[in-house]
PDB file of N, CA and C in Angstrom:
ATOM      1  N   MET A   1       0.840  -1.183   0.000  1.00  0.00           N
ATOM      2  CA  MET A   1       0.000   0.000   0.000  1.00  0.00           C
ATOM      3  C   MET A   1       0.882   1.242   0.000  1.00  0.00           C
ATOM      4  N   GLU A   2       0.516   2.194  -0.785  1.00  0.00           N
ATOM      5  CA  GLU A   2       1.245   3.460  -0.837  1.00  0.00           C
ATOM      6  C   GLU A   2       0.784   4.372   0.295  1.00  0.00           C
ATOM      7  N   PRO A   3       1.708   5.193   0.849  1.00  0.00           N
ATOM      8  CA  PRO A   3       1.338   6.081   1.951  1.00  0.00           C
ATOM      9  C   PRO A   3       0.165   7.005   1.634  1.00  0.00           C
ATOM     10  N   SER A   4      -0.038   7.323   0.374  1.00  0.00           N
ATOM     11  CA  SER A   4      -1.122   8.231  -0.005  1.00  0.00           C
ATOM     12  C   SER A   4      -2.476   7.538  -0.112  1.00  0.00           C
ATOM     13  N   GLU A   5      -2.494   6.201  -0.091  1.00  0.00           N
ATOM     14  CA  GLU A   5      -3.753   5.480  -0.237  1.00  0.00           C
ATOM     15  C   GLU A   5      -4.625   5.629   1.011  1.00  0.00           C
ATOM     16  N   THR A   6      -5.924   5.635   0.797  1.00  0.00           N
ATOM     17  CA  THR A   6      -6.885   5.748   1.892  1.00  0.00           C
ATOM     18  C   THR A   6      -6.960   4.428   2.644  1.00  0.00           C
ATOM     19  N   THR A   7      -6.898   4.517   3.977  1.00  0.00           N
ATOM     20  CA  THR A   7      -6.994   3.327   4.818  1.00  0.00           C
ATOM     21  C   THR A   7      -8.303   3.353   5.597  1.00  0.00           C
ATOM     22  N   ILE A   8      -8.578   2.259   6.270  1.00  0.00           N
ATOM     23  CA  ILE A   8      -9.756   2.199   7.143  1.00  0.00           C
ATOM     24  C   ILE A   8      -9.669   3.269   8.233  1.00  0.00           C
ATOM     25  N   PHE A   9      -8.449   3.598   8.684  1.00  0.00           N
ATOM     26  CA  PHE A   9      -8.302   4.628   9.715  1.00  0.00           C
ATOM     27  C   PHE A   9      -8.655   6.012   9.169  1.00  0.00           C
ATOM     28  N   ASP A  10      -8.337   6.269   7.911  1.00  0.00           N
ATOM     29  CA  ASP A  10      -8.748   7.534   7.289  1.00  0.00           C
ATOM     30  C   ASP A  10     -10.272   7.632   7.280  1.00  0.00           C
ATOM     31  N   LYS A  11     -10.933   6.508   7.010  1.00  0.00           N
ATOM     32  CA  LYS A  11     -12.396   6.490   6.987  1.00  0.00           C
ATOM     33  C   LYS A  11     -12.983   6.640   8.385  1.00  0.00           C
ATOM     34  N   ILE A  12     -12.298   6.128   9.386  1.00  0.00           N
ATOM     35  CA  ILE A  12     -12.731   6.342  10.777  1.00  0.00           C
ATOM     36  C   ILE A  12     -12.569   7.806  11.143  1.00  0.00           C
ATOM     37  N   LEU A  13     -11.432   8.405  10.771  1.00  0.00           N
ATOM     38  CA  LEU A  13     -11.196   9.824  11.071  1.00  0.00           C
ATOM     39  C   LEU A  13     -12.215  10.729  10.390  1.00  0.00           C
ATOM     40  N   SER A  14     -12.624  10.382   9.179  1.00  0.00           N
ATOM     41  CA  SER A  14     -13.605  11.201   8.456  1.00  0.00           C
ATOM     42  C   SER A  14     -15.046  10.864   8.826  1.00  0.00           C
ATOM     43  N   LYS A  15     -15.220   9.912   9.767  1.00  0.00           N
ATOM     44  CA  LYS A  15     -16.532   9.482  10.265  1.00  0.00           C
ATOM     45  C   LYS A  15     -17.344   8.701   9.238  1.00  0.00           C
ATOM     46  N   GLU A  16     -16.679   8.231   8.168  1.00  0.00           N
ATOM     47  CA  GLU A  16     -17.354   7.347   7.208  1.00  0.00           C
ATOM     48  C   GLU A  16     -17.638   5.994   7.845  1.00  0.00           C
ATOM     49  N   ILE A  17     -16.766   5.588   8.746  1.00  0.00           N
ATOM     50  CA  ILE A  17     -16.923   4.331   9.482  1.00  0.00           C
ATOM     51  C   ILE A  17     -17.006   4.688  10.964  1.00  0.00           C
ATOM     52  N   PRO A  18     -18.022   4.202  11.673  1.00  0.00           N
ATOM     53  CA  PRO A  18     -18.144   4.531  13.097  1.00  0.00           C
ATOM     54  C   PRO A  18     -17.075   3.809  13.927  1.00  0.00           C
ATOM     55  N   SER A  19     -16.752   4.404  15.070  1.00  0.00           N
ATOM     56  CA  SER A  19     -15.806   3.781  15.989  1.00  0.00           C
ATOM     57  C   SER A  19     -16.211   4.120  17.420  1.00  0.00           C
ATOM     58  N   ASP A  20     -15.711   3.318  18.351  1.00  0.00           N
ATOM     59  CA  ASP A  20     -15.966   3.524  19.777  1.00  0.00           C
ATOM     60  C   ASP A  20     -14.800   4.336  20.330  1.00  0.00           C
ATOM     61  N   VAL A  21     -14.913   5.647  20.259  1.00  0.00           N
ATOM     62  CA  VAL A  21     -13.837   6.564  20.642  1.00  0.00           C
ATOM     63  C   VAL A  21     -13.718   6.627  22.163  1.00  0.00           C
ATOM     64  N   VAL A  22     -12.469   6.505  22.651  1.00  0.00           N
ATOM     65  CA  VAL A  22     -12.213   6.626  24.091  1.00  0.00           C
ATOM     66  C   VAL A  22     -11.423   7.880  24.419  1.00  0.00           C
ATOM     67  N   TYR A  23     -10.796   8.502  23.398  1.00  0.00           N
ATOM     68  CA  TYR A  23     -10.031   9.729  23.614  1.00  0.00           C
ATOM     69  C   TYR A  23      -9.860  10.419  22.263  1.00  0.00           C
ATOM     70  N   GLU A  24      -9.883  11.752  22.304  1.00  0.00           N
ATOM     71  CA  GLU A  24      -9.620  12.524  21.094  1.00  0.00           C
ATOM     72  C   GLU A  24      -9.076  13.879  21.489  1.00  0.00           C
ATOM     73  N   ASP A  25      -8.089  14.340  20.741  1.00  0.00           N
ATOM     74  CA  ASP A  25      -7.600  15.708  20.872  1.00  0.00           C
ATOM     75  C   ASP A  25      -7.273  16.217  19.469  1.00  0.00           C
ATOM     76  N   GLU A  26      -6.603  17.355  19.376  1.00  0.00           N
ATOM     77  CA  GLU A  26      -6.331  17.942  18.061  1.00  0.00           C
ATOM     78  C   GLU A  26      -5.341  17.126  17.231  1.00  0.00           C
ATOM     79  N   LEU A  27      -4.538  16.263  17.870  1.00  0.00           N
ATOM     80  CA  LEU A  27      -3.509  15.514  17.162  1.00  0.00           C
ATOM     81  C   LEU A  27      -3.820  14.037  16.919  1.00  0.00           C
ATOM     82  N   CYS A  28      -4.664  13.455  17.772  1.00  0.00           N
ATOM     83  CA  CYS A  28      -4.868  12.013  17.650  1.00  0.00           C
ATOM     84  C   CYS A  28      -6.265  11.575  18.070  1.00  0.00           C
ATOM     85  N   LEU A  29      -6.544  10.323  17.756  1.00  0.00           N
ATOM     86  CA  LEU A  29      -7.812   9.687  18.085  1.00  0.00           C
ATOM     87  C   LEU A  29      -7.497   8.312  18.663  1.00  0.00           C
ATOM     88  N   ALA A  30      -8.187   7.936  19.724  1.00  0.00           N
ATOM     89  CA  ALA A  30      -8.034   6.602  20.316  1.00  0.00           C
ATOM     90  C   ALA A  30      -9.411   5.939  20.332  1.00  0.00           C
ATOM     91  N   PHE A  31      -9.458   4.709  19.861  1.00  0.00           N
ATOM     92  CA  PHE A  31     -10.734   3.997  19.758  1.00  0.00           C
ATOM     93  C   PHE A  31     -10.507   2.511  19.976  1.00  0.00           C
ATOM     94  N   ARG A  32     -11.573   1.798  20.351  1.00  0.00           N
ATOM     95  CA  ARG A  32     -11.490   0.369  20.618  1.00  0.00           C
ATOM     96  C   ARG A  32     -11.297  -0.417  19.319  1.00  0.00           C
ATOM     97  N   ASP A  33     -10.403  -1.401  19.382  1.00  0.00           N
ATOM     98  CA  ASP A  33     -10.163  -2.277  18.239  1.00  0.00           C
ATOM     99  C   ASP A  33     -11.398  -3.155  18.025  1.00  0.00           C
ATOM    100  N   ILE A  34     -11.769  -3.375  16.766  1.00  0.00           N
ATOM    101  CA  ILE A  34     -12.962  -4.191  16.482  1.00  0.00           C
ATOM    102  C   ILE A  34     -12.685  -5.687  16.615  1.00  0.00           C
ATOM    103  N   ALA A  35     -11.408  -6.074  16.688  1.00  0.00           N
ATOM    104  CA  ALA A  35     -11.034  -7.477  16.879  1.00  0.00           C
ATOM    105  C   ALA A  35     -10.040  -7.546  18.045  1.00  0.00           C
ATOM    106  N   PRO A  36     -10.521  -7.283  19.270  1.00  0.00           N
ATOM    107  CA  PRO A  36      -9.598  -7.166  20.407  1.00  0.00           C
ATOM    108  C   PRO A  36      -8.826  -8.443  20.700  1.00  0.00           C
ATOM    109  N   GLN A  37      -7.544  -8.242  21.048  1.00  0.00           N
ATOM    110  CA  GLN A  37      -6.654  -9.342  21.393  1.00  0.00           C
ATOM    111  C   GLN A  37      -6.447  -9.438  22.903  1.00  0.00           C
ATOM    112  N   ALA A  38      -7.123  -8.592  23.661  1.00  0.00           N
ATOM    113  CA  ALA A  38      -7.082  -8.572  25.123  1.00  0.00           C
ATOM    114  C   ALA A  38      -8.379  -7.907  25.580  1.00  0.00           C
ATOM    115  N   PRO A  39      -8.725  -8.031  26.879  1.00  0.00           N
ATOM    116  CA  PRO A  39      -9.949  -7.384  27.357  1.00  0.00           C
ATOM    117  C   PRO A  39      -9.995  -5.883  27.048  1.00  0.00           C
ATOM    118  N   VAL A  40      -8.843  -5.226  27.106  1.00  0.00           N
ATOM    119  CA  VAL A  40      -8.735  -3.828  26.669  1.00  0.00           C
ATOM    120  C   VAL A  40      -7.805  -3.814  25.471  1.00  0.00           C
ATOM    121  N   HIS A  41      -8.293  -3.306  24.356  1.00  0.00           N
ATOM    122  CA  HIS A  41      -7.480  -3.180  23.142  1.00  0.00           C
ATOM    123  C   HIS A  41      -7.926  -1.913  22.436  1.00  0.00           C
ATOM    124  N   VAL A  42      -7.120  -0.877  22.615  1.00  0.00           N
ATOM    125  CA  VAL A  42      -7.417   0.440  22.055  1.00  0.00           C
ATOM    126  C   VAL A  42      -6.323   0.809  21.064  1.00  0.00           C
ATOM    127  N   LEU A  43      -6.701   1.415  19.955  1.00  0.00           N
ATOM    128  CA  LEU A  43      -5.751   1.910  18.965  1.00  0.00           C
ATOM    129  C   LEU A  43      -5.631   3.423  19.098  1.00  0.00           C
ATOM    130  N   VAL A  44      -4.415   3.915  19.048  1.00  0.00           N
ATOM    131  CA  VAL A  44      -4.147   5.355  19.083  1.00  0.00           C
ATOM    132  C   VAL A  44      -3.511   5.714  17.746  1.00  0.00           C
ATOM    133  N   ILE A  45      -4.143   6.638  17.024  1.00  0.00           N
ATOM    134  CA  ILE A  45      -3.663   7.004  15.688  1.00  0.00           C
ATOM    135  C   ILE A  45      -3.523   8.519  15.569  1.00  0.00           C
ATOM    136  N   PRO A  46      -2.549   8.967  14.769  1.00  0.00           N
ATOM    137  CA  PRO A  46      -2.471  10.406  14.492  1.00  0.00           C
ATOM    138  C   PRO A  46      -3.593  10.804  13.532  1.00  0.00           C
ATOM    139  N   LYS A  47      -4.099  12.011  13.696  1.00  0.00           N
ATOM    140  CA  LYS A  47      -5.151  12.485  12.799  1.00  0.00           C
ATOM    141  C   LYS A  47      -4.607  12.825  11.415  1.00  0.00           C
ATOM    142  N   ARG A  48      -3.365  13.293  11.367  1.00  0.00           N
ATOM    143  CA  ARG A  48      -2.708  13.572  10.077  1.00  0.00           C
ATOM    144  C   ARG A  48      -1.624  12.538   9.870  1.00  0.00           C
ATOM    145  N   LYS A  49      -1.700  11.799   8.797  1.00  0.00           N
ATOM    146  CA  LYS A  49      -0.709  10.755   8.528  1.00  0.00           C
ATOM    147  C   LYS A  49       0.671  11.366   8.288  1.00  0.00           C
ATOM    148  N   ASP A  50       0.758  12.445   7.533  1.00  0.00           N
ATOM    149  CA  ASP A  50       1.998  13.191   7.315  1.00  0.00           C
ATOM    150  C   ASP A  50       3.181  12.277   6.999  1.00  0.00           C
ATOM    151  N   GLY A  51       2.968  11.295   6.132  1.00  0.00           N
ATOM    152  CA  GLY A  51       4.035  10.387   5.754  1.00  0.00           C
ATOM    153  C   GLY A  51       4.252   9.226   6.703  1.00  0.00           C
ATOM    154  N   LEU A  52       3.519   9.197   7.822  1.00  0.00           N
ATOM    155  CA  LEU A  52       3.694   8.137   8.818  1.00  0.00           C
ATOM    156  C   LEU A  52       2.797   6.944   8.529  1.00  0.00           C
ATOM    157  N   SER A  53       3.061   6.293   7.418  1.00  0.00           N
ATOM    158  CA  SER A  53       2.326   5.071   7.135  1.00  0.00           C
ATOM    159  C   SER A  53       2.816   3.958   8.052  1.00  0.00           C
ATOM    160  N   GLN A  54       4.060   4.083   8.536  1.00  0.00           N
ATOM    161  CA  GLN A  54       4.616   3.130   9.498  1.00  0.00           C
ATOM    162  C   GLN A  54       5.732   3.829  10.272  1.00  0.00           C
ATOM    163  N   LEU A  55       6.084   3.271  11.427  1.00  0.00           N
ATOM    164  CA  LEU A  55       7.074   3.904  12.298  1.00  0.00           C
ATOM    165  C   LEU A  55       8.416   4.086  11.598  1.00  0.00           C
ATOM    166  N   SER A  56       8.810   3.138  10.794  1.00  0.00           N
ATOM    167  CA  SER A  56      10.107   3.237  10.110  1.00  0.00           C
ATOM    168  C   SER A  56      10.159   4.377   9.097  1.00  0.00           C
ATOM    169  N   LYS A  57       9.043   5.009   8.830  1.00  0.00           N
ATOM    170  CA  LYS A  57       9.003   6.167   7.926  1.00  0.00           C
ATOM    171  C   LYS A  57       9.156   7.484   8.684  1.00  0.00           C
ATOM    172  N   ALA A  58       9.265   7.442  10.005  1.00  0.00           N
ATOM    173  CA  ALA A  58       9.366   8.658  10.813  1.00  0.00           C
ATOM    174  C   ALA A  58      10.684   9.371  10.561  1.00  0.00           C
ATOM    175  N   ASP A  59      10.633  10.682  10.642  1.00  0.00           N
ATOM    176  CA  ASP A  59      11.860  11.478  10.595  1.00  0.00           C
ATOM    177  C   ASP A  59      11.790  12.528  11.694  1.00  0.00           C
ATOM    178  N   ALA A  60      12.756  13.412  11.741  1.00  0.00           N
ATOM    179  CA  ALA A  60      12.883  14.362  12.846  1.00  0.00           C
ATOM    180  C   ALA A  60      11.625  15.205  13.052  1.00  0.00           C
ATOM    181  N   ARG A  61      10.908  15.528  11.991  1.00  0.00           N
ATOM    182  CA  ARG A  61       9.716  16.372  12.156  1.00  0.00           C
ATOM    183  C   ARG A  61       8.600  15.661  12.923  1.00  0.00           C
ATOM    184  N   HIS A  62       8.682  14.343  13.063  1.00  0.00           N
ATOM    185  CA  HIS A  62       7.638  13.563  13.730  1.00  0.00           C
ATOM    186  C   HIS A  62       7.888  13.347  15.223  1.00  0.00           C
ATOM    187  N   LYS A  63       9.040  13.779  15.744  1.00  0.00           N
ATOM    188  CA  LYS A  63       9.391  13.469  17.127  1.00  0.00           C
ATOM    189  C   LYS A  63       8.343  13.929  18.129  1.00  0.00           C
ATOM    190  N   GLU A  64       7.865  15.132  17.991  1.00  0.00           N
ATOM    191  CA  GLU A  64       6.866  15.642  18.940  1.00  0.00           C
ATOM    192  C   GLU A  64       5.570  14.832  18.872  1.00  0.00           C
ATOM    193  N   LEU A  65       5.118  14.523  17.676  1.00  0.00           N
ATOM    194  CA  LEU A  65       3.898  13.732  17.513  1.00  0.00           C
ATOM    195  C   LEU A  65       4.078  12.331  18.096  1.00  0.00           C
ATOM    196  N   LEU A  66       5.219  11.705  17.852  1.00  0.00           N
ATOM    197  CA  LEU A  66       5.459  10.364  18.386  1.00  0.00           C
ATOM    198  C   LEU A  66       5.419  10.370  19.912  1.00  0.00           C
ATOM    199  N   GLY A  67       6.023  11.369  20.526  1.00  0.00           N
ATOM    200  CA  GLY A  67       5.961  11.495  21.982  1.00  0.00           C
ATOM    201  C   GLY A  67       4.535  11.699  22.459  1.00  0.00           C
ATOM    202  N   HIS A  68       3.783  12.500  21.740  1.00  0.00           N
ATOM    203  CA  HIS A  68       2.385  12.746  22.107  1.00  0.00           C
ATOM    204  C   HIS A  68       1.575  11.456  22.036  1.00  0.00           C
ATOM    205  N   LEU A  69       1.787  10.655  20.987  1.00  0.00           N
ATOM    206  CA  LEU A  69       1.049   9.398  20.850  1.00  0.00           C
ATOM    207  C   LEU A  69       1.340   8.468  22.024  1.00  0.00           C
ATOM    208  N   LEU A  70       2.604   8.385  22.448  1.00  0.00           N
ATOM    209  CA  LEU A  70       2.948   7.549  23.605  1.00  0.00           C
ATOM    210  C   LEU A  70       2.328   8.094  24.885  1.00  0.00           C
ATOM    211  N   PHE A  71       2.335   9.414  25.039  1.00  0.00           N
ATOM    212  CA  PHE A  71       1.724  10.017  26.218  1.00  0.00           C
ATOM    213  C   PHE A  71       0.229   9.707  26.259  1.00  0.00           C
ATOM    214  N   VAL A  72      -0.436   9.835  25.130  1.00  0.00           N
ATOM    215  CA  VAL A  72      -1.867   9.535  25.055  1.00  0.00           C
ATOM    216  C   VAL A  72      -2.105   8.051  25.336  1.00  0.00           C
ATOM    217  N   ALA A  73      -1.239   7.182  24.838  1.00  0.00           N
ATOM    218  CA  ALA A  73      -1.401   5.743  25.073  1.00  0.00           C
ATOM    219  C   ALA A  73      -1.389   5.426  26.567  1.00  0.00           C
ATOM    220  N   GLN A  74      -0.465   6.018  27.328  1.00  0.00           N
ATOM    221  CA  GLN A  74      -0.446   5.757  28.768  1.00  0.00           C
ATOM    222  C   GLN A  74      -1.637   6.396  29.464  1.00  0.00           C
ATOM    223  N   HIS A  75      -2.095   7.524  28.968  1.00  0.00           N
ATOM    224  CA  HIS A  75      -3.302   8.162  29.523  1.00  0.00           C
ATOM    225  C   HIS A  75      -4.524   7.250  29.308  1.00  0.00           C
ATOM    226  N   VAL A  76      -4.635   6.700  28.102  1.00  0.00           N
ATOM    227  CA  VAL A  76      -5.734   5.780  27.795  1.00  0.00           C
ATOM    228  C   VAL A  76      -5.655   4.555  28.700  1.00  0.00           C
ATOM    229  N   ALA A  77      -4.456   4.002  28.869  1.00  0.00           N
ATOM    230  CA  ALA A  77      -4.284   2.828  29.735  1.00  0.00           C
ATOM    231  C   ALA A  77      -4.779   3.128  31.150  1.00  0.00           C
ATOM    232  N   LYS A  78      -4.413   4.274  31.686  1.00  0.00           N
ATOM    233  CA  LYS A  78      -4.870   4.662  33.030  1.00  0.00           C
ATOM    234  C   LYS A  78      -6.382   4.807  33.064  1.00  0.00           C
ATOM    235  N   SER A  79      -6.940   5.475  32.057  1.00  0.00           N
ATOM    236  CA  SER A  79      -8.388   5.706  32.045  1.00  0.00           C
ATOM    237  C   SER A  79      -9.180   4.416  31.844  1.00  0.00           C
ATOM    238  N   GLU A  80      -8.531   3.397  31.273  1.00  0.00           N
ATOM    239  CA  GLU A  80      -9.172   2.094  31.069  1.00  0.00           C
ATOM    240  C   GLU A  80      -8.956   1.167  32.263  1.00  0.00           C
ATOM    241  N   GLY A  81      -8.332   1.667  33.324  1.00  0.00           N
ATOM    242  CA  GLY A  81      -8.162   0.888  34.545  1.00  0.00           C
ATOM    243  C   GLY A  81      -7.042  -0.135  34.503  1.00  0.00           C
ATOM    244  N   LEU A  82      -6.010   0.134  33.727  1.00  0.00           N
ATOM    245  CA  LEU A  82      -4.919  -0.826  33.581  1.00  0.00           C
ATOM    246  C   LEU A  82      -3.771  -0.553  34.560  1.00  0.00           C
ATOM    247  N   ALA A  83      -4.107  -0.358  35.827  1.00  0.00           N
ATOM    248  CA  ALA A  83      -3.103  -0.060  36.854  1.00  0.00           C
ATOM    249  C   ALA A  83      -2.127  -1.214  37.070  1.00  0.00           C
ATOM    250  N   GLU A  84      -2.537  -2.435  36.767  1.00  0.00           N
ATOM    251  CA  GLU A  84      -1.673  -3.617  36.946  1.00  0.00           C
ATOM    252  C   GLU A  84      -0.636  -3.733  35.833  1.00  0.00           C
ATOM    253  N   GLY A  85      -0.798  -2.956  34.772  1.00  0.00           N
ATOM    254  CA  GLY A  85       0.146  -2.968  33.656  1.00  0.00           C
ATOM    255  C   GLY A  85      -0.549  -3.086  32.315  1.00  0.00           C
ATOM    256  N   PHE A  86       0.199  -2.788  31.294  1.00  0.00           N
ATOM    257  CA  PHE A  86      -0.333  -2.807  29.929  1.00  0.00           C
ATOM    258  C   PHE A  86       0.826  -2.950  28.960  1.00  0.00           C
ATOM    259  N   ARG A  87       0.500  -3.164  27.707  1.00  0.00           N
ATOM    260  CA  ARG A  87       1.512  -3.276  26.658  1.00  0.00           C
ATOM    261  C   ARG A  87       1.166  -2.299  25.547  1.00  0.00           C
ATOM    262  N   ILE A  88       2.215  -1.665  25.003  1.00  0.00           N
ATOM    263  CA  ILE A  88       2.083  -0.820  23.823  1.00  0.00           C
ATOM    264  C   ILE A  88       2.779  -1.557  22.686  1.00  0.00           C
ATOM    265  N   VAL A  89       2.081  -1.731  21.563  1.00  0.00           N
ATOM    266  CA  VAL A  89       2.645  -2.431  20.414  1.00  0.00           C
ATOM    267  C   VAL A  89       2.519  -1.542  19.187  1.00  0.00           C
ATOM    268  N   ILE A  90       3.611  -1.480  18.420  1.00  0.00           N
ATOM    269  CA  ILE A  90       3.584  -0.828  17.110  1.00  0.00           C
ATOM    270  C   ILE A  90       4.114  -1.851  16.111  1.00  0.00           C
ATOM    271  N   ASN A  91       3.261  -2.314  15.226  1.00  0.00           N
ATOM    272  CA  ASN A  91       3.672  -3.233  14.169  1.00  0.00           C
ATOM    273  C   ASN A  91       4.221  -2.405  13.011  1.00  0.00           C
ATOM    274  N   ASP A  92       5.345  -2.856  12.430  1.00  0.00           N
ATOM    275  CA  ASP A  92       5.967  -2.092  11.355  1.00  0.00           C
ATOM    276  C   ASP A  92       6.288  -3.000  10.174  1.00  0.00           C
ATOM    277  N   GLY A  93       5.616  -2.751   9.072  1.00  0.00           N
ATOM    278  CA  GLY A  93       5.906  -3.459   7.829  1.00  0.00           C
ATOM    279  C   GLY A  93       5.407  -4.894   7.782  1.00  0.00           C
ATOM    280  N   LYS A  94       5.674  -5.526   6.668  1.00  0.00           N
ATOM    281  CA  LYS A  94       5.196  -6.881   6.395  1.00  0.00           C
ATOM    282  C   LYS A  94       5.645  -7.876   7.468  1.00  0.00           C
ATOM    283  N   HIS A  95       6.914  -7.883   7.792  1.00  0.00           N
ATOM    284  CA  HIS A  95       7.417  -8.848   8.765  1.00  0.00           C
ATOM    285  C   HIS A  95       7.066  -8.463  10.196  1.00  0.00           C
ATOM    286  N   GLY A  96       6.631  -7.243  10.404  1.00  0.00           N
ATOM    287  CA  GLY A  96       6.144  -6.809  11.715  1.00  0.00           C
ATOM    288  C   GLY A  96       4.648  -7.011  11.868  1.00  0.00           C
ATOM    289  N   CYS A  97       4.031  -7.614  10.854  1.00  0.00           N
ATOM    290  CA  CYS A  97       2.601  -7.944  10.854  1.00  0.00           C
ATOM    291  C   CYS A  97       1.708  -6.698  10.840  1.00  0.00           C
ATOM    292  N   GLN A  98       2.164  -5.639  10.166  1.00  0.00           N
ATOM    293  CA  GLN A  98       1.345  -4.439  10.062  1.00  0.00           C
ATOM    294  C   GLN A  98       0.237  -4.671   9.046  1.00  0.00           C
ATOM    295  N   ALA A  99      -0.999  -4.449   9.452  1.00  0.00           N
ATOM    296  CA  ALA A  99      -2.148  -4.682   8.575  1.00  0.00           C
ATOM    297  C   ALA A  99      -2.678  -3.396   7.952  1.00  0.00           C
ATOM    298  N   VAL A 100      -2.592  -2.281   8.682  1.00  0.00           N
ATOM    299  CA  VAL A 100      -3.087  -0.996   8.180  1.00  0.00           C
ATOM    300  C   VAL A 100      -1.903  -0.034   8.127  1.00  0.00           C
ATOM    301  N   TYR A 101      -1.633   0.510   6.942  1.00  0.00           N
ATOM    302  CA  TYR A 101      -0.476   1.382   6.772  1.00  0.00           C
ATOM    303  C   TYR A 101      -0.825   2.844   7.048  1.00  0.00           C
ATOM    304  N   HIS A 102      -1.137   3.068   8.308  1.00  0.00           N
ATOM    305  CA  HIS A 102      -1.345   4.377   8.935  1.00  0.00           C
ATOM    306  C   HIS A 102      -0.837   4.126  10.353  1.00  0.00           C
ATOM    307  N   LEU A 103       0.244   4.786  10.745  1.00  0.00           N
ATOM    308  CA  LEU A 103       0.849   4.500  12.042  1.00  0.00           C
ATOM    309  C   LEU A 103      -0.216   4.390  13.126  1.00  0.00           C
ATOM    310  N   HIS A 104      -0.111   3.355  13.963  1.00  0.00           N
ATOM    311  CA  HIS A 104      -1.035   3.191  15.076  1.00  0.00           C
ATOM    312  C   HIS A 104      -0.375   2.433  16.201  1.00  0.00           C
ATOM    313  N   LEU A 105      -0.749   2.801  17.415  1.00  0.00           N
ATOM    314  CA  LEU A 105      -0.270   2.150  18.621  1.00  0.00           C
ATOM    315  C   LEU A 105      -1.400   1.320  19.186  1.00  0.00           C
ATOM    316  N   HIS A 106      -1.092   0.081  19.548  1.00  0.00           N
ATOM    317  CA  HIS A 106      -2.049  -0.783  20.226  1.00  0.00           C
ATOM    318  C   HIS A 106      -1.803  -0.650  21.723  1.00  0.00           C
ATOM    319  N   VAL A 107      -2.847  -0.374  22.489  1.00  0.00           N
ATOM    320  CA  VAL A 107      -2.783  -0.389  23.952  1.00  0.00           C
ATOM    321  C   VAL A 107      -3.541  -1.643  24.370  1.00  0.00           C
ATOM    322  N   LEU A 108      -2.816  -2.586  24.977  1.00  0.00           N
ATOM    323  CA  LEU A 108      -3.379  -3.886  25.336  1.00  0.00           C
ATOM    324  C   LEU A 108      -3.264  -4.126  26.826  1.00  0.00           C
ATOM    325  N   GLY A 109      -4.297  -4.678  27.428  1.00  0.00           N
ATOM    326  CA  GLY A 109      -4.236  -5.010  28.847  1.00  0.00           C
ATOM    327  C   GLY A 109      -5.529  -5.613  29.339  1.00  0.00           C
ATOM    328  N   GLY A 110      -5.611  -5.727  30.661  1.00  0.00           N
ATOM    329  CA  GLY A 110      -6.806  -6.292  31.269  1.00  0.00           C
ATOM    330  C   GLY A 110      -6.668  -7.755  31.618  1.00  0.00           C
ATOM    331  N   ARG A 111      -5.508  -8.335  31.339  1.00  0.00           N
ATOM    332  CA  ARG A 111      -5.193  -9.718  31.709  1.00  0.00           C
ATOM    333  C   ARG A 111      -3.676  -9.842  31.705  1.00  0.00           C
ATOM    334  N   GLN A 112      -3.174 -10.959  32.254  1.00  0.00           N
ATOM    335  CA  GLN A 112      -1.738 -11.206  32.183  1.00  0.00           C
ATOM    336  C   GLN A 112      -1.348 -11.484  30.746  1.00  0.00           C
ATOM    337  N   LEU A 113      -0.463 -10.679  30.202  1.00  0.00           N
ATOM    338  CA  LEU A 113       0.004 -10.864  28.823  1.00  0.00           C
ATOM    339  C   LEU A 113       1.240 -11.771  28.854  1.00  0.00           C
ATOM    340  N   THR A 114       1.355 -12.631  27.849  1.00  0.00           N
ATOM    341  CA  THR A 114       2.467 -13.580  27.823  1.00  0.00           C
ATOM    342  C   THR A 114       3.641 -13.029  27.037  1.00  0.00           C
ATOM    343  N   TRP A 115       4.785 -13.666  27.211  1.00  0.00           N
ATOM    344  CA  TRP A 115       6.000 -13.302  26.498  1.00  0.00           C
ATOM    345  C   TRP A 115       6.737 -14.575  26.130  1.00  0.00           C
ATOM    346  N   PRO A 116       7.276 -14.733  24.960  1.00  0.00           N
ATOM    347  CA  PRO A 116       7.299 -13.738  23.892  1.00  0.00           C
ATOM    348  C   PRO A 116       5.947 -13.621  23.202  1.00  0.00           C
ATOM    349  N   PRO A 117       5.690 -12.449  22.612  1.00  0.00           N
ATOM    350  CA  PRO A 117       4.373 -12.190  22.038  1.00  0.00           C
ATOM    351  C   PRO A 117       4.105 -12.897  20.725  1.00  0.00           C
ATOM    352  N   GLY A 118       5.117 -13.195  19.913  1.00  0.00           N
ATOM    353  CA  GLY A 118       4.860 -13.706  18.583  1.00  0.00           C
ATOM    354  C   GLY A 118       5.148 -15.133  18.434  1.00  0.00           C
TER     355      GLY A 118
END
């Protein structure tokens, strides 16, 4: 997929596809995953892709946004009651099992997570 192609996340951001939003600000949107892999599974995405189809495409101009996404992810984890712990996952590229080429963070928790994950 090319970075300019429309993804399901673009359609969620434009409200073409409904989502269960748990957090939103001017830079990002957090919503429940439709195929959760844990009792709590929330995706945090930037509202503007700005070339960030995947983490490996990030450059210096993205540093502030990347920090904001991580900050929001921990805020979401707290608001979802994940005081016992949580996991943040970013899949990158084909071998990283990335399914949607719009950068997104998975916030997972609500049960004991195993290791190794894959």
